[in-house]
Amino acid sequence: MSDTKILYTLITGASIGLGKELALECARRKMNLILVSLPGEDIEGLSQEIRTSFQVSVSYREIDLTKKEQVKELVAWINANFDVNMIINNAGVGGSCMFTESTVEYLDNMIQLNVSAMVLLIRLLLPELKKHAESYILNVSSLAAFSPVPYKTVYPASKAFVHYFSLGLRAELKDTSVNVSVLTPGPILTNSDVKKRINGQSSYIKFSILTPKRIAEIALKKLLKRKSVIIPGFLNRFNAFMIRLVPVNVRIYVGTVIFKRELSRKKPGRTRETSISLN
């Protein structure tokens, strides 16, 4: 197989935070882009900025990935207009809220976005990826995937799904041209709200926090080297190792103390995946 056509990278959740930095890092590497975000997040402005700054082709689509029909429409549009050899599934949501106080809509949106949309996009675009000499899938998980977390219940469970789904699919596709990697970041420094929350944390946690730009740089470098699990930052790799050594009941106890305290200081609500979390 050889690629003589113009190839594109699809990035979901591309308007802000880690998704935006992944888009910029891909553009620096002269990758053409298809950027996906919710309506009203000025993905058009970002697309124009990237075209001007990096001289690459950028298309965009504003859709709600929690809606299955919109995902199918996105794939139909892509298949009709582009040759895609990389998918970066970054879109996701998380937050802290007692399960009994969570609305059905809140829980369903999280599952649909973090799990269902990712699986559906990959399944529908996999035939396209297989056409190319080298193709890549990067799914964004979290350190939260390595442990149950009280008061976040569904979020870490959804990220555990992303982690193990990615590794299972990687094994299935081992003898094809498609590489699958999973990105497992720890806390991410994104905005002023995050900075305020960092000030209340220990020095150890502060040192483990990376910027979205740095995470994106590491992620793309390791993805193109076909690494299976990408954990940016030495302290985060150490944390991932230690988490799995600690008995699960101890992890649950510590998580209960941390997030119950956090929840008592704010109203329950939905936060973006890229907001800081004590994963």
Protein backbone atom coordinates (compact mmCIF):
# COMPACT_ATOMS: atom_id res chain seq x y z
CA MET A 1 0.00 0.00 0.00
CA SER A 2 1.13 3.55 -0.68
CA ASP A 3 -0.41 6.96 -0.04
CA THR A 4 -0.48 9.39 -2.96
CA LYS A 5 -3.58 11.30 -1.85
CA ILE A 6 -3.77 14.15 0.63
CA LEU A 7 -4.17 12.59 4.06
CA TYR A 8 -6.06 14.01 7.04
CA THR A 9 -6.08 13.66 10.81
CA LEU A 10 -9.46 13.72 12.56
CA ILE A 11 -9.48 15.27 16.05
CA THR A 12 -12.58 15.39 18.25
CA GLY A 13 -12.99 17.89 21.07
CA ALA A 14 -10.56 20.09 19.16
CA SER A 15 -11.68 23.60 20.16
CA ILE A 16 -9.98 24.04 23.56
CA GLY A 17 -7.51 22.56 26.02
CA LEU A 18 -5.74 19.36 25.06
CA GLY A 19 -7.73 18.95 21.85
CA LYS A 20 -6.65 22.38 20.60
CA GLU A 21 -3.00 21.69 21.46
CA LEU A 22 -3.16 18.32 19.71
CA ALA A 23 -4.47 20.12 16.63
CA LEU A 24 -1.66 22.68 16.79
CA GLU A 25 0.98 19.98 17.30
CA CYS A 26 -0.33 18.02 14.31
CA ALA A 27 -0.28 21.20 12.23
CA ARG A 28 3.34 21.84 13.23
CA ARG A 29 4.07 18.41 11.77
CA LYS A 30 2.33 19.50 8.55
CA MET A 31 -0.67 17.24 9.02
CA ASN A 32 -3.94 18.24 7.36
CA LEU A 33 -6.81 18.37 9.82
CA ILE A 34 -10.50 17.69 10.31
CA LEU A 35 -11.51 19.34 13.57
CA VAL A 36 -14.70 18.48 15.44
CA SER A 37 -16.30 20.39 18.30
CA LEU A 38 -19.63 21.33 19.79
CA PRO A 39 -21.40 24.30 18.18
CA GLY A 40 -20.52 27.72 19.57
CA GLU A 41 -16.86 27.01 20.43
CA ASP A 42 -15.35 28.99 17.53
CA ILE A 43 -13.81 26.01 15.81
CA GLU A 44 -14.02 28.06 12.61
CA GLY A 45 -11.69 30.68 14.09
CA LEU A 46 -9.18 28.04 15.22
CA SER A 47 -9.30 26.40 11.80
CA GLN A 48 -8.49 29.69 10.08
CA GLU A 49 -5.70 30.41 12.56
CA ILE A 50 -4.09 27.03 11.85
CA ARG A 51 -4.41 27.43 8.07
CA THR A 52 -2.70 30.82 8.21
CA SER A 53 0.02 29.86 10.68
CA PHE A 54 0.99 26.42 9.36
CA GLN A 55 -0.13 26.36 5.71
CA VAL A 56 -2.05 23.11 6.05
CA SER A 57 -5.55 22.17 4.94
CA VAL A 58 -8.13 22.38 7.75
CA SER A 59 -11.81 21.49 7.64
CA TYR A 60 -14.17 21.48 10.59
CA ARG A 61 -17.56 20.25 11.73
CA GLU A 62 -19.70 21.40 14.65
CA ILE A 63 -21.70 18.47 16.01
CA ASP A 64 -22.84 16.83 19.23
CA LEU A 65 -21.05 13.49 19.42
CA THR A 66 -23.51 12.20 22.03
CA LYS A 67 -26.06 11.94 19.19
CA LYS A 68 -25.52 8.71 17.23
CA GLU A 69 -27.09 10.05 14.04
CA GLN A 70 -24.77 13.06 14.06
CA VAL A 71 -21.77 10.73 14.41
CA LYS A 72 -22.96 8.75 11.40
CA GLU A 73 -23.49 11.96 9.42
CA LEU A 74 -19.95 13.07 10.32
CA VAL A 75 -18.49 9.80 9.05
CA ALA A 76 -20.52 9.97 5.83
CA TRP A 77 -19.20 13.50 5.22
CA ILE A 78 -15.62 12.39 5.92
CA ASN A 79 -15.82 9.32 3.69
CA ALA A 80 -17.22 11.40 0.85
CA ASN A 81 -14.58 14.11 1.02
CA PHE A 82 -11.36 13.03 2.73
CA ASP A 83 -8.70 10.35 3.05
CA VAL A 84 -8.09 9.85 6.77
CA ASN A 85 -5.10 7.99 8.22
CA MET A 86 -5.26 9.21 11.82
CA ILE A 87 -8.04 9.52 14.40
CA ILE A 88 -7.52 11.27 17.74
CA ASN A 89 -10.48 10.63 20.02
CA ASN A 90 -10.06 13.45 22.52
CA ALA A 91 -13.66 14.53 23.18
CA GLY A 92 -14.90 13.63 26.64
CA VAL A 93 -16.48 14.96 29.82
CA GLY A 94 -16.11 14.32 33.52
CA GLY A 95 -17.05 15.83 36.84
CA SER A 96 -17.64 15.28 40.55
CA CYS A 97 -21.16 14.46 41.70
CA MET A 98 -22.83 11.91 43.95
CA PHE A 99 -24.27 9.19 41.75
CA THR A 100 -27.66 9.43 43.47
CA GLU A 101 -27.79 13.15 42.69
CA SER A 102 -26.70 12.80 39.07
CA THR A 103 -29.36 13.32 36.43
CA VAL A 104 -30.00 10.63 33.84
CA GLU A 105 -28.99 13.13 31.13
CA TYR A 106 -25.66 13.87 32.85
CA LEU A 107 -24.78 10.17 33.09
CA ASP A 108 -25.99 9.30 29.61
CA ASN A 109 -24.05 12.17 28.00
CA MET A 110 -20.87 11.03 29.73
CA ILE A 111 -21.25 7.44 28.58
CA GLN A 112 -22.27 8.41 25.05
CA LEU A 113 -19.34 10.81 24.60
CA ASN A 114 -16.57 9.01 26.48
CA VAL A 115 -17.44 5.52 25.27
CA SER A 116 -20.07 5.16 22.54
CA ALA A 117 -18.96 7.97 20.20
CA MET A 118 -15.35 6.79 20.31
CA VAL A 119 -16.27 3.18 19.48
CA LEU A 120 -18.69 4.17 16.72
CA LEU A 121 -16.24 6.55 15.06
CA ILE A 122 -13.49 3.95 15.02
CA ARG A 123 -15.74 1.18 13.74
CA LEU A 124 -17.13 3.29 10.91
CA LEU A 125 -13.75 4.76 9.88
CA LEU A 126 -11.63 1.63 10.27
CA PRO A 127 -12.13 0.50 6.64
CA GLU A 128 -10.76 3.89 5.56
CA LEU A 129 -7.75 3.62 7.90
CA LYS A 130 -6.89 0.18 6.58
CA LYS A 131 -6.49 1.56 3.05
CA HIS A 132 -3.31 3.40 3.97
CA ALA A 133 0.25 2.19 4.41
CA GLU A 134 0.39 3.64 7.93
CA SER A 135 -2.59 4.68 10.04
CA TYR A 136 -2.99 5.64 13.67
CA ILE A 137 -5.68 5.76 16.35
CA LEU A 138 -5.08 7.69 19.57
CA ASN A 139 -7.72 7.37 22.29
CA VAL A 140 -7.52 9.72 25.27
CA SER A 141 -8.01 8.02 28.63
CA SER A 142 -6.88 9.21 32.09
CA LEU A 143 -4.96 8.05 35.15
CA ALA A 144 -8.44 7.73 36.64
CA ALA A 145 -8.78 4.58 34.54
CA PHE A 146 -6.56 2.69 36.97
CA SER A 147 -8.86 2.91 40.00
CA PRO A 148 -12.49 3.27 41.09
CA VAL A 149 -13.14 6.86 42.22
CA PRO A 150 -16.06 7.65 44.55
CA TYR A 151 -18.04 10.76 43.62
CA LYS A 152 -16.79 10.40 40.06
CA THR A 153 -18.06 6.80 39.61
CA VAL A 154 -18.94 6.83 35.89
CA TYR A 155 -15.96 8.90 34.69
CA PRO A 156 -13.14 6.53 35.76
CA ALA A 157 -15.23 3.56 34.62
CA SER A 158 -15.59 5.15 31.19
CA LYS A 159 -11.86 5.85 31.02
CA ALA A 160 -11.09 2.26 32.06
CA PHE A 161 -13.20 1.20 29.08
CA VAL A 162 -11.15 3.49 26.80
CA HIS A 163 -7.91 2.01 28.15
CA TYR A 164 -8.79 -1.67 27.79
CA PHE A 165 -10.73 -1.23 24.55
CA SER A 166 -7.68 0.43 23.02
CA LEU A 167 -5.32 -2.36 24.06
CA GLY A 168 -7.71 -5.05 22.87
CA LEU A 169 -8.21 -3.36 19.51
CA ARG A 170 -4.45 -2.86 19.17
CA ALA A 171 -3.94 -6.61 19.48
CA GLU A 172 -6.66 -7.33 16.91
CA LEU A 173 -5.08 -4.93 14.41
CA LYS A 174 -1.50 -6.02 15.04
CA ASP A 175 -1.09 -7.50 11.55
CA THR A 176 -2.66 -4.54 9.75
CA SER A 177 -1.36 -1.06 8.92
CA VAL A 178 -3.36 0.46 11.80
CA ASN A 179 -1.65 1.26 15.11
CA VAL A 180 -3.73 1.92 18.24
CA SER A 181 -2.36 3.87 21.21
CA VAL A 182 -4.00 5.12 24.39
CA LEU A 183 -3.01 8.43 25.99
CA THR A 184 -3.28 8.42 29.79
CA PRO A 185 -2.62 11.92 31.15
CA GLY A 186 -2.71 12.97 34.77
CA PRO A 187 -3.85 16.43 35.89
CA ILE A 188 -3.72 19.03 33.11
CA LEU A 189 -3.09 22.76 33.55
CA THR A 190 -5.75 24.45 31.42
CA ASN A 191 -7.34 27.66 32.74
CA SER A 192 -7.64 30.10 35.66
CA ASP A 193 -10.15 27.87 37.46
CA VAL A 194 -7.68 25.01 37.31
CA LYS A 195 -4.90 27.24 38.66
CA LYS A 196 -7.04 28.14 41.67
CA ARG A 197 -7.66 24.47 42.40
CA ILE A 198 -3.93 23.71 42.06
CA ASN A 199 -3.13 26.22 44.80
CA GLY A 200 -5.05 24.07 47.26
CA GLN A 201 -3.12 20.91 46.43
CA SER A 202 0.15 19.46 47.70
CA SER A 203 3.50 20.26 46.11
CA TYR A 204 3.72 16.68 44.84
CA ILE A 205 0.48 17.05 42.88
CA LYS A 206 1.56 20.45 41.56
CA PHE A 207 4.79 18.96 40.18
CA SER A 208 2.86 16.23 38.35
CA ILE A 209 0.73 18.71 36.40
CA LEU A 210 1.63 19.31 32.75
CA THR A 211 0.36 21.86 30.24
CA PRO A 212 -1.83 20.70 27.34
CA LYS A 213 0.93 21.78 24.94
CA ARG A 214 3.51 19.55 26.60
CA ILE A 215 1.12 16.59 26.73
CA ALA A 216 0.29 17.04 23.04
CA GLU A 217 4.00 17.08 22.12
CA ILE A 218 4.64 13.86 24.03
CA ALA A 219 1.48 12.20 22.72
CA LEU A 220 2.25 12.77 19.04
CA LYS A 221 5.89 11.75 19.40
CA LYS A 222 4.98 8.47 21.14
CA LEU A 223 2.00 7.78 18.86
CA LEU A 224 4.15 7.97 15.75
CA LYS A 225 6.59 5.58 17.42
CA ARG A 226 3.60 3.22 17.84
CA LYS A 227 3.82 3.07 21.65
CA SER A 228 0.82 1.27 23.17
CA VAL A 229 0.26 3.24 26.42
CA ILE A 230 1.39 6.86 26.61
CA ILE A 231 1.63 8.36 30.12
CA PRO A 232 3.17 11.86 29.90
CA GLY A 233 5.49 12.89 32.73
CA PHE A 234 7.75 10.87 35.02
CA LEU A 235 5.65 11.50 38.14
CA ASN A 236 2.49 10.42 36.34
CA ARG A 237 4.17 7.20 35.19
CA PHE A 238 5.29 6.63 38.77
CA ASN A 239 1.76 7.36 40.03
CA ALA A 240 0.27 4.89 37.56
CA PHE A 241 2.68 2.22 38.78
CA MET A 242 1.98 2.94 42.46
CA ILE A 243 -1.81 3.10 42.02
CA ARG A 244 -1.85 -0.48 40.82
CA LEU A 245 0.26 -1.62 43.76
CA VAL A 246 -2.08 -0.15 46.39
CA PRO A 247 -5.02 -2.40 47.43
CA VAL A 248 -8.26 -1.26 45.85
CA ASN A 249 -10.01 -0.67 49.19
CA VAL A 250 -7.23 1.78 50.16
CA ARG A 251 -7.59 3.58 46.84
CA ILE A 252 -11.33 3.89 47.35
CA TYR A 253 -10.86 5.23 50.88
CA VAL A 254 -8.38 7.89 49.74
CA GLY A 255 -10.59 8.86 46.81
CA THR A 256 -13.58 9.19 49.10
CA VAL A 257 -11.73 11.57 51.41
CA ILE A 258 -10.37 13.74 48.56
CA PHE A 259 -13.46 14.04 46.41
CA LYS A 260 -16.01 14.26 49.20
CA ARG A 261 -14.07 17.28 50.46
CA GLU A 262 -13.88 18.74 46.95
CA LEU A 263 -17.58 18.21 46.39
CA SER A 264 -18.45 19.97 49.63
CA ARG A 265 -16.70 23.11 48.33
CA LYS A 266 -18.65 23.40 45.09
CA LYS A 267 -21.98 22.64 43.50
CA PRO A 268 -22.22 19.36 41.57
CA GLY A 269 -21.91 19.94 37.85
CA ARG A 270 -20.47 18.91 34.55
CA THR A 271 -16.86 19.77 33.79
CA ARG A 272 -14.76 19.22 30.71
CA GLU A 273 -12.43 16.31 30.37
CA THR A 274 -9.52 18.68 30.10
CA SER A 275 -10.21 20.29 33.46
CA ILE A 276 -7.87 19.29 36.24
CA SER A 277 -8.77 16.17 38.16
CA LEU A 278 -6.91 14.37 40.92
CA ASN A 279 -6.81 11.28 38.76
